[in-house]
Amino acid sequence: MGGFSPIHLLVLAVVAILLLGGGRFSSLMGDVAKGVKNFKKGMAEEDETRPSARIEAKSAAEPAFDRDGNRVREGVREDR
């Protein structure tokens, strides 16, 4: 039980155009394209307006324990 072949998809597209009509189908696809364009525009504007959204590390974090499990710095909870 395989998927749809290109012939099946073509038949479905023809039936959709016949049911919806050429003008309605065309306007529907135009509305979808406008929605995608507005979404991309909104995502680009969000990146421009929120420069603080990107977090940059000022320095590397210091480890709390060494490889043997000995505490390297103070102020570390002993949860383990």
Protein backbone atom coordinates (compact mmCIF):
# COMPACT_ATOMS: atom_id res chain seq x y z
CA MET A 1 0.00 0.00 0.00
CA GLY A 2 2.24 2.75 -1.27
CA GLY A 3 1.77 6.48 -1.29
CA PHE A 4 0.40 8.74 -3.95
CA SER A 5 2.00 8.65 -7.37
CA PRO A 6 2.36 11.81 -9.47
CA ILE A 7 -0.68 10.73 -11.52
CA HIS A 8 -2.82 10.57 -8.35
CA LEU A 9 -1.68 14.04 -7.33
CA LEU A 10 -2.42 15.42 -10.79
CA VAL A 11 -5.95 13.96 -10.74
CA LEU A 12 -6.56 15.43 -7.27
CA ALA A 13 -5.35 18.85 -8.44
CA VAL A 14 -7.67 18.76 -11.49
CA VAL A 15 -10.64 17.75 -9.32
CA ALA A 16 -9.85 20.57 -6.85
CA ILE A 17 -9.70 23.12 -9.67
CA LEU A 18 -12.98 21.85 -11.11
CA LEU A 19 -14.74 21.97 -7.75
CA LEU A 20 -13.39 25.31 -6.60
CA GLY A 21 -13.20 27.01 -9.97
CA GLY A 22 -10.11 28.55 -11.49
CA GLY A 23 -10.58 32.03 -10.00
CA ARG A 24 -11.30 30.83 -6.47
CA PHE A 25 -8.37 28.42 -6.53
CA SER A 26 -6.08 31.16 -7.83
CA SER A 27 -7.18 33.62 -5.14
CA LEU A 28 -6.78 30.93 -2.48
CA MET A 29 -3.18 30.29 -3.56
CA GLY A 30 -2.56 34.06 -3.63
CA ASP A 31 -3.82 34.36 -0.05
CA VAL A 32 -1.51 31.54 1.02
CA ALA A 33 1.43 33.29 -0.64
CA LYS A 34 0.57 36.58 1.10
CA GLY A 35 0.40 34.79 4.44
CA VAL A 36 3.84 33.25 3.95
CA LYS A 37 5.27 36.62 2.90
CA ASN A 38 3.79 38.37 5.96
CA PHE A 39 5.11 35.62 8.23
CA LYS A 40 8.64 36.00 6.85
CA LYS A 41 8.40 39.78 7.16
CA GLY A 42 7.25 39.50 10.77
CA MET A 43 10.10 37.16 11.65
CA ALA A 44 12.62 39.55 10.08
CA GLU A 45 11.16 42.53 11.97
CA GLU A 46 11.31 40.63 15.26
CA ASP A 47 15.02 39.96 14.75
CA GLU A 48 15.67 43.64 14.01
CA THR A 49 13.70 45.02 16.95
CA ARG A 50 15.09 42.65 19.59
CA PRO A 51 18.89 42.72 19.40
CA SER A 52 19.03 41.63 23.04
CA ALA A 53 17.41 38.31 22.10
CA ARG A 54 20.81 36.96 21.19
CA ILE A 55 22.75 35.98 24.26
CA GLU A 56 26.49 36.19 24.01
CA ALA A 57 28.74 34.59 26.57
CA LYS A 58 31.27 37.03 28.00
CA SER A 59 33.59 34.35 29.26
CA ALA A 60 33.65 30.61 29.60
CA ALA A 61 32.05 29.19 32.73
CA GLU A 62 34.41 27.83 35.32
CA PRO A 63 33.86 24.20 36.33
CA ALA A 64 32.59 23.51 39.85
CA PHE A 65 34.32 20.14 40.12
CA ASP A 66 37.42 18.66 38.54
CA ARG A 67 37.54 15.31 36.73
CA ASP A 68 38.00 13.39 39.98
CA GLY A 69 34.94 14.97 41.59
CA ASN A 70 36.81 17.30 43.93
CA ARG A 71 35.28 20.71 44.50
CA VAL A 72 37.14 23.44 42.60
CA ARG A 73 35.23 26.55 43.76
CA GLU A 74 33.14 27.47 46.77
CA GLY A 75 29.40 28.14 46.75
CA VAL A 76 28.48 24.90 45.03
CA ARG A 77 25.55 22.95 46.43
CA GLU A 78 26.24 19.36 47.33
CA ASP A 79 23.22 17.77 45.59
CA ARG A 80 24.90 14.70 44.20
